Amino acid sequence: FTLASVVGGAAAAGSAVGLAWTLGLPLEIVLSLAPKSVTAPVAMGIADKIGGNASLAAVFAVVTGLVGALSGKTLFALLGIGNDTTGWMARGFAMGTAAHGIGAARALQVHPDAGAWAALALGLQVVLASLLMPLVFRLF
């Protein structure tokens, strides 16, 4: 599960940073987007450490959580992720990784197993992002 969290977090941060960089956004905004898939208070701390704007990071984190919570059910249905035990695990873990606290709360509303997996993914994502993002951004 740790590997899935690292890959999911890297995909979330990398896609946001890559898109922002490609669009030519200012560096402060690019760095503020990187921690968008962790809870707002943690995103603020990470953004501050890597040179981003803490307030922008909080906004990006909240918007990411809302988009994930609102679109998750439809996206999972389109992807054919089932409603069995494995499906609830995949749905919950994805929501906790990508849509942090808001997504985890939504997953818990949908099914208790999804909520439990979302909480696990959220916890792993927060710890890993807090430790790894400052190290990675120090290299670049």
N, C-alpha and C. Protein backbone atom coordinates (compact mmCIF):
# COMPACT_ATOMS: atom_id res chain seq x y z
N PHE A 1 0.82 -1.21 0.00
CA PHE A 1 0.00 0.00 0.00
C PHE A 1 0.86 1.26 0.00
N THR A 2 2.04 1.15 0.59
CA THR A 2 2.92 2.31 0.59
C THR A 2 3.34 2.67 -0.83
N LEU A 3 3.66 1.67 -1.62
CA LEU A 3 4.04 1.91 -3.01
C LEU A 3 2.89 2.57 -3.78
N ALA A 4 1.67 2.09 -3.56
CA ALA A 4 0.51 2.69 -4.22
C ALA A 4 0.35 4.15 -3.80
N SER A 5 0.61 4.45 -2.54
CA SER A 5 0.52 5.84 -2.08
C SER A 5 1.59 6.72 -2.70
N VAL A 6 2.80 6.19 -2.79
CA VAL A 6 3.89 6.96 -3.41
C VAL A 6 3.57 7.23 -4.88
N VAL A 7 3.15 6.20 -5.60
CA VAL A 7 2.83 6.36 -7.02
C VAL A 7 1.64 7.30 -7.21
N GLY A 8 0.61 7.14 -6.40
CA GLY A 8 -0.57 8.00 -6.50
C GLY A 8 -0.23 9.45 -6.17
N GLY A 9 0.54 9.66 -5.13
CA GLY A 9 0.94 11.02 -4.77
C GLY A 9 1.83 11.65 -5.81
N ALA A 10 2.74 10.86 -6.36
CA ALA A 10 3.63 11.37 -7.41
C ALA A 10 2.84 11.72 -8.66
N ALA A 11 1.86 10.89 -8.99
CA ALA A 11 1.02 11.17 -10.16
C ALA A 11 0.20 12.44 -9.95
N ALA A 12 -0.36 12.61 -8.77
CA ALA A 12 -1.17 13.80 -8.48
C ALA A 12 -0.31 15.06 -8.53
N ALA A 13 0.81 15.03 -7.84
CA ALA A 13 1.69 16.20 -7.80
C ALA A 13 2.33 16.44 -9.17
N GLY A 14 2.82 15.37 -9.78
CA GLY A 14 3.52 15.50 -11.05
C GLY A 14 2.63 16.02 -12.16
N SER A 15 1.39 15.53 -12.22
CA SER A 15 0.49 16.00 -13.27
C SER A 15 0.12 17.46 -13.08
N ALA A 16 -0.11 17.87 -11.84
CA ALA A 16 -0.44 19.27 -11.58
C ALA A 16 0.73 20.19 -11.88
N VAL A 17 1.92 19.81 -11.41
CA VAL A 17 3.12 20.62 -11.64
C VAL A 17 3.45 20.65 -13.13
N GLY A 18 3.37 19.51 -13.79
CA GLY A 18 3.67 19.45 -15.21
C GLY A 18 2.72 20.30 -16.04
N LEU A 19 1.43 20.23 -15.75
CA LEU A 19 0.45 21.03 -16.48
C LEU A 19 0.67 22.51 -16.23
N ALA A 20 0.88 22.88 -14.97
CA ALA A 20 1.09 24.29 -14.64
C ALA A 20 2.37 24.81 -15.30
N TRP A 21 3.40 24.00 -15.30
CA TRP A 21 4.67 24.38 -15.92
C TRP A 21 4.50 24.56 -17.42
N THR A 22 3.78 23.63 -18.05
CA THR A 22 3.52 23.68 -19.49
C THR A 22 2.73 24.94 -19.86
N LEU A 23 1.80 25.32 -19.00
CA LEU A 23 0.99 26.51 -19.27
C LEU A 23 1.73 27.81 -18.98
N GLY A 24 2.94 27.68 -18.44
CA GLY A 24 3.75 28.86 -18.18
C GLY A 24 3.33 29.64 -16.96
N LEU A 25 2.70 28.99 -16.00
CA LEU A 25 2.28 29.68 -14.78
C LEU A 25 3.50 30.08 -13.95
N PRO A 26 3.36 31.12 -13.15
CA PRO A 26 4.49 31.55 -12.31
C PRO A 26 4.93 30.43 -11.35
N LEU A 27 6.21 30.43 -11.03
CA LEU A 27 6.79 29.38 -10.19
C LEU A 27 6.07 29.24 -8.86
N GLU A 28 5.67 30.35 -8.26
CA GLU A 28 4.97 30.29 -6.97
C GLU A 28 3.67 29.50 -7.07
N ILE A 29 2.96 29.64 -8.17
CA ILE A 29 1.71 28.89 -8.37
C ILE A 29 2.02 27.42 -8.63
N VAL A 30 3.04 27.16 -9.42
CA VAL A 30 3.44 25.77 -9.69
C VAL A 30 3.77 25.07 -8.38
N LEU A 31 4.54 25.71 -7.53
CA LEU A 31 4.93 25.10 -6.25
C LEU A 31 3.75 24.99 -5.29
N SER A 32 2.78 25.86 -5.42
CA SER A 32 1.59 25.81 -4.57
C SER A 32 0.65 24.69 -5.00
N LEU A 33 0.71 24.28 -6.26
CA LEU A 33 -0.13 23.20 -6.76
C LEU A 33 0.38 21.81 -6.36
N ALA A 34 1.67 21.69 -6.14
CA ALA A 34 2.27 20.37 -5.88
C ALA A 34 1.59 19.60 -4.75
N PRO A 35 1.32 20.20 -3.59
CA PRO A 35 0.72 19.42 -2.50
C PRO A 35 -0.80 19.43 -2.49
N LYS A 36 -1.44 19.56 -3.66
CA LYS A 36 -2.89 19.68 -3.72
C LYS A 36 -3.66 18.46 -3.25
N SER A 37 -3.03 17.31 -3.20
CA SER A 37 -3.76 16.09 -2.85
C SER A 37 -3.55 15.64 -1.41
N VAL A 38 -3.17 16.56 -0.55
CA VAL A 38 -3.17 16.29 0.89
C VAL A 38 -4.09 17.30 1.55
N THR A 39 -4.42 17.12 2.80
CA THR A 39 -5.34 18.04 3.48
C THR A 39 -4.77 19.45 3.48
N ALA A 40 -5.65 20.43 3.55
CA ALA A 40 -5.26 21.83 3.44
C ALA A 40 -4.17 22.24 4.44
N PRO A 41 -4.27 21.90 5.73
CA PRO A 41 -3.21 22.34 6.65
C PRO A 41 -1.84 21.76 6.29
N VAL A 42 -1.81 20.52 5.87
CA VAL A 42 -0.54 19.89 5.48
C VAL A 42 -0.04 20.50 4.18
N ALA A 43 -0.95 20.74 3.23
CA ALA A 43 -0.57 21.36 1.96
C ALA A 43 0.05 22.73 2.21
N MET A 44 -0.50 23.47 3.16
CA MET A 44 0.04 24.79 3.48
C MET A 44 1.47 24.68 3.99
N GLY A 45 1.71 23.74 4.86
CA GLY A 45 3.05 23.55 5.40
C GLY A 45 4.05 23.12 4.34
N ILE A 46 3.63 22.20 3.47
CA ILE A 46 4.52 21.74 2.41
C ILE A 46 4.82 22.89 1.45
N ALA A 47 3.79 23.61 1.04
CA ALA A 47 3.98 24.72 0.10
C ALA A 47 4.95 25.75 0.68
N ASP A 48 4.79 26.05 1.94
CA ASP A 48 5.67 27.01 2.59
C ASP A 48 7.12 26.52 2.56
N LYS A 49 7.32 25.24 2.79
CA LYS A 49 8.67 24.67 2.79
C LYS A 49 9.33 24.65 1.42
N ILE A 50 8.54 24.46 0.37
CA ILE A 50 9.12 24.33 -0.97
C ILE A 50 9.11 25.63 -1.77
N GLY A 51 8.61 26.70 -1.17
CA GLY A 51 8.64 28.00 -1.84
C GLY A 51 7.34 28.43 -2.49
N GLY A 52 6.27 27.71 -2.19
CA GLY A 52 4.96 28.07 -2.72
C GLY A 52 4.23 29.01 -1.78
N ASN A 53 3.00 29.32 -2.11
CA ASN A 53 2.16 30.19 -1.32
C ASN A 53 1.20 29.32 -0.52
N ALA A 54 1.26 29.42 0.80
CA ALA A 54 0.45 28.55 1.67
C ALA A 54 -1.04 28.76 1.45
N SER A 55 -1.47 29.99 1.27
CA SER A 55 -2.90 30.25 1.06
C SER A 55 -3.40 29.65 -0.25
N LEU A 56 -2.63 29.78 -1.30
CA LEU A 56 -3.00 29.17 -2.58
C LEU A 56 -3.04 27.65 -2.46
N ALA A 57 -2.07 27.08 -1.76
CA ALA A 57 -2.04 25.63 -1.58
C ALA A 57 -3.30 25.15 -0.87
N ALA A 58 -3.77 25.89 0.13
CA ALA A 58 -4.99 25.51 0.83
C ALA A 58 -6.19 25.53 -0.11
N VAL A 59 -6.28 26.56 -0.94
CA VAL A 59 -7.38 26.66 -1.89
C VAL A 59 -7.33 25.49 -2.88
N PHE A 60 -6.14 25.22 -3.42
CA PHE A 60 -5.99 24.11 -4.37
C PHE A 60 -6.36 22.77 -3.72
N ALA A 61 -5.99 22.59 -2.47
CA ALA A 61 -6.32 21.34 -1.77
C ALA A 61 -7.82 21.18 -1.58
N VAL A 62 -8.49 22.24 -1.18
CA VAL A 62 -9.94 22.17 -0.98
C VAL A 62 -10.66 21.91 -2.30
N VAL A 63 -10.26 22.61 -3.35
CA VAL A 63 -10.89 22.41 -4.66
C VAL A 63 -10.65 20.98 -5.15
N THR A 64 -9.44 20.47 -4.96
CA THR A 64 -9.14 19.09 -5.36
C THR A 64 -10.03 18.10 -4.63
N GLY A 65 -10.20 18.29 -3.32
CA GLY A 65 -11.07 17.41 -2.55
C GLY A 65 -12.51 17.46 -3.00
N LEU A 66 -13.00 18.66 -3.27
CA LEU A 66 -14.38 18.80 -3.73
C LEU A 66 -14.60 18.16 -5.09
N VAL A 67 -13.68 18.39 -6.01
CA VAL A 67 -13.81 17.79 -7.34
C VAL A 67 -13.77 16.26 -7.24
N GLY A 68 -12.86 15.74 -6.43
CA GLY A 68 -12.78 14.30 -6.24
C GLY A 68 -14.04 13.71 -5.62
N ALA A 69 -14.54 14.38 -4.59
CA ALA A 69 -15.74 13.88 -3.91
C ALA A 69 -16.96 13.92 -4.83
N LEU A 70 -17.04 14.95 -5.66
CA LEU A 70 -18.19 15.09 -6.54
C LEU A 70 -18.12 14.20 -7.78
N SER A 71 -16.93 13.92 -8.25
CA SER A 71 -16.81 13.16 -9.50
C SER A 71 -16.44 11.70 -9.31
N GLY A 72 -16.05 11.32 -8.10
CA GLY A 72 -15.57 9.97 -7.86
C GLY A 72 -16.54 8.87 -8.25
N LYS A 73 -17.77 8.97 -7.82
CA LYS A 73 -18.75 7.92 -8.08
C LYS A 73 -18.95 7.70 -9.59
N THR A 74 -19.07 8.79 -10.32
CA THR A 74 -19.24 8.70 -11.77
C THR A 74 -18.01 8.12 -12.43
N LEU A 75 -16.84 8.59 -12.03
CA LEU A 75 -15.59 8.10 -12.61
C LEU A 75 -15.40 6.61 -12.36
N PHE A 76 -15.68 6.17 -11.13
CA PHE A 76 -15.53 4.75 -10.82
C PHE A 76 -16.51 3.90 -11.62
N ALA A 77 -17.72 4.40 -11.82
CA ALA A 77 -18.70 3.67 -12.63
C ALA A 77 -18.23 3.58 -14.09
N LEU A 78 -17.71 4.68 -14.62
CA LEU A 78 -17.21 4.68 -16.00
C LEU A 78 -16.02 3.72 -16.16
N LEU A 79 -15.21 3.60 -15.12
CA LEU A 79 -14.06 2.71 -15.17
C LEU A 79 -14.42 1.26 -14.88
N GLY A 80 -15.67 1.02 -14.48
CA GLY A 80 -16.13 -0.33 -14.21
C GLY A 80 -15.63 -0.90 -12.90
N ILE A 81 -15.31 -0.05 -11.94
CA ILE A 81 -14.86 -0.52 -10.63
C ILE A 81 -16.10 -0.93 -9.84
N GLY A 82 -16.14 -2.18 -9.44
CA GLY A 82 -17.34 -2.78 -8.87
C GLY A 82 -17.68 -2.36 -7.46
N ASN A 83 -18.77 -2.93 -6.98
CA ASN A 83 -19.26 -2.68 -5.62
C ASN A 83 -19.03 -3.88 -4.72
N ASP A 84 -18.02 -4.69 -5.03
CA ASP A 84 -17.68 -5.82 -4.18
C ASP A 84 -16.59 -5.37 -3.20
N THR A 85 -16.07 -6.28 -2.42
CA THR A 85 -15.05 -5.94 -1.42
C THR A 85 -13.82 -5.30 -2.05
N THR A 86 -13.34 -5.87 -3.13
CA THR A 86 -12.17 -5.31 -3.81
C THR A 86 -12.49 -3.94 -4.41
N GLY A 87 -13.68 -3.79 -4.93
CA GLY A 87 -14.10 -2.51 -5.49
C GLY A 87 -14.14 -1.41 -4.45
N TRP A 88 -14.68 -1.73 -3.26
CA TRP A 88 -14.74 -0.72 -2.20
C TRP A 88 -13.33 -0.35 -1.74
N MET A 89 -12.44 -1.34 -1.73
CA MET A 89 -11.05 -1.06 -1.36
C MET A 89 -10.43 -0.11 -2.39
N ALA A 90 -10.59 -0.41 -3.66
CA ALA A 90 -10.01 0.43 -4.72
C ALA A 90 -10.61 1.82 -4.72
N ARG A 91 -11.91 1.90 -4.59
CA ARG A 91 -12.58 3.20 -4.57
C ARG A 91 -12.11 4.04 -3.38
N GLY A 92 -12.09 3.43 -2.22
CA GLY A 92 -11.69 4.15 -1.01
C GLY A 92 -10.24 4.59 -1.06
N PHE A 93 -9.36 3.70 -1.46
CA PHE A 93 -7.94 4.03 -1.51
C PHE A 93 -7.69 5.16 -2.52
N ALA A 94 -8.38 5.10 -3.64
CA ALA A 94 -8.22 6.16 -4.65
C ALA A 94 -8.73 7.50 -4.12
N MET A 95 -9.86 7.49 -3.45
CA MET A 95 -10.41 8.73 -2.91
C MET A 95 -9.51 9.33 -1.83
N GLY A 96 -8.99 8.50 -0.96
CA GLY A 96 -8.10 9.00 0.08
C GLY A 96 -6.79 9.52 -0.46
N THR A 97 -6.30 8.90 -1.53
CA THR A 97 -5.04 9.32 -2.13
C THR A 97 -5.22 10.62 -2.91
N ALA A 98 -6.24 10.69 -3.73
CA ALA A 98 -6.40 11.83 -4.63
C ALA A 98 -7.21 12.98 -4.04
N ALA A 99 -8.22 12.67 -3.26
CA ALA A 99 -9.15 13.71 -2.80
C ALA A 99 -9.11 13.92 -1.28
N HIS A 100 -8.09 13.42 -0.63
CA HIS A 100 -7.79 13.58 0.80
C HIS A 100 -9.00 13.55 1.72
N GLY A 101 -9.11 14.46 2.66
CA GLY A 101 -10.13 14.40 3.71
C GLY A 101 -11.55 14.49 3.19
N ILE A 102 -11.78 15.36 2.24
CA ILE A 102 -13.13 15.51 1.69
C ILE A 102 -13.53 14.23 0.95
N GLY A 103 -12.60 13.68 0.19
CA GLY A 103 -12.86 12.43 -0.51
C GLY A 103 -13.06 11.26 0.44
N ALA A 104 -12.28 11.24 1.52
CA ALA A 104 -12.43 10.17 2.52
C ALA A 104 -13.78 10.26 3.22
N ALA A 105 -14.22 11.48 3.51
CA ALA A 105 -15.53 11.65 4.13
C ALA A 105 -16.64 11.18 3.20
N ARG A 106 -16.50 11.49 1.93
CA ARG A 106 -17.50 11.04 0.95
C ARG A 106 -17.48 9.52 0.80
N ALA A 107 -16.29 8.94 0.80
CA ALA A 107 -16.18 7.49 0.70
C ALA A 107 -16.86 6.81 1.88
N LEU A 108 -16.71 7.38 3.06
CA LEU A 108 -17.35 6.82 4.25
C LEU A 108 -18.87 6.91 4.16
N GLN A 109 -19.37 7.98 3.56
CA GLN A 109 -20.82 8.11 3.36
C GLN A 109 -21.35 7.03 2.43
N VAL A 110 -20.55 6.67 1.43
CA VAL A 110 -20.99 5.71 0.43
C VAL A 110 -20.96 4.28 0.97
N HIS A 111 -19.84 3.90 1.64
CA HIS A 111 -19.71 2.54 2.16
C HIS A 111 -18.64 2.54 3.25
N PRO A 112 -18.87 1.82 4.37
CA PRO A 112 -17.89 1.82 5.46
C PRO A 112 -16.52 1.26 5.07
N ASP A 113 -16.50 0.25 4.19
CA ASP A 113 -15.21 -0.29 3.75
C ASP A 113 -14.43 0.74 2.93
N ALA A 114 -15.13 1.43 2.05
CA ALA A 114 -14.48 2.47 1.25
C ALA A 114 -13.94 3.56 2.16
N GLY A 115 -14.70 3.91 3.18
CA GLY A 115 -14.25 4.94 4.12
C GLY A 115 -13.00 4.53 4.89
N ALA A 116 -12.94 3.26 5.29
CA ALA A 116 -11.77 2.77 6.02
C ALA A 116 -10.52 2.81 5.13
N TRP A 117 -10.65 2.36 3.88
CA TRP A 117 -9.52 2.39 2.96
C TRP A 117 -9.12 3.81 2.61
N ALA A 118 -10.08 4.70 2.51
CA ALA A 118 -9.78 6.10 2.22
C ALA A 118 -9.00 6.73 3.38
N ALA A 119 -9.39 6.41 4.60
CA ALA A 119 -8.67 6.94 5.76
C ALA A 119 -7.23 6.45 5.80
N LEU A 120 -7.03 5.17 5.48
CA LEU A 120 -5.67 4.64 5.43
C LEU A 120 -4.85 5.35 4.36
N ALA A 121 -5.42 5.51 3.18
CA ALA A 121 -4.70 6.17 2.08
C ALA A 121 -4.41 7.63 2.42
N LEU A 122 -5.36 8.30 3.04
CA LEU A 122 -5.16 9.69 3.44
C LEU A 122 -4.00 9.81 4.42
N GLY A 123 -3.97 8.95 5.42
CA GLY A 123 -2.88 8.98 6.39
C GLY A 123 -1.53 8.72 5.76
N LEU A 124 -1.47 7.72 4.90
CA LEU A 124 -0.20 7.43 4.21
C LEU A 124 0.22 8.60 3.32
N GLN A 125 -0.74 9.17 2.62
CA GLN A 125 -0.43 10.27 1.71
C GLN A 125 0.12 11.48 2.47
N VAL A 126 -0.47 11.79 3.60
CA VAL A 126 -0.02 12.94 4.40
C VAL A 126 1.42 12.72 4.88
N VAL A 127 1.69 11.55 5.41
CA VAL A 127 3.04 11.27 5.93
C VAL A 127 4.06 11.28 4.79
N LEU A 128 3.76 10.58 3.72
CA LEU A 128 4.70 10.49 2.61
C LEU A 128 4.93 11.84 1.94
N ALA A 129 3.87 12.59 1.71
CA ALA A 129 4.01 13.90 1.06
C ALA A 129 4.81 14.85 1.95
N SER A 130 4.56 14.81 3.24
CA SER A 130 5.28 15.70 4.17
C SER A 130 6.77 15.39 4.21
N LEU A 131 7.12 14.13 4.06
CA LEU A 131 8.52 13.74 4.09
C LEU A 131 9.21 13.87 2.74
N LEU A 132 8.51 13.46 1.68
CA LEU A 132 9.17 13.35 0.37
C LEU A 132 9.14 14.62 -0.48
N MET A 133 8.06 15.39 -0.44
CA MET A 133 7.98 16.57 -1.31
C MET A 133 9.09 17.58 -1.04
N PRO A 134 9.35 17.94 0.21
CA PRO A 134 10.45 18.87 0.43
C PRO A 134 11.80 18.32 -0.05
N LEU A 135 12.01 17.02 0.08
CA LEU A 135 13.26 16.43 -0.40
C LEU A 135 13.35 16.48 -1.92
N VAL A 136 12.27 16.13 -2.59
CA VAL A 136 12.27 16.11 -4.05
C VAL A 136 12.45 17.51 -4.61
N PHE A 137 11.74 18.47 -4.05
CA PHE A 137 11.83 19.84 -4.57
C PHE A 137 13.16 20.50 -4.23
N ARG A 138 13.83 20.02 -3.23
CA ARG A 138 15.18 20.52 -2.90
C ARG A 138 16.16 20.12 -4.00
N LEU A 139 15.91 18.98 -4.64
CA LEU A 139 16.79 18.49 -5.71
C LEU A 139 16.66 19.31 -6.98
N PHE A 140 15.51 19.94 -7.17
CA PHE A 140 15.27 20.70 -8.41
C PHE A 140 15.32 22.14 -8.13
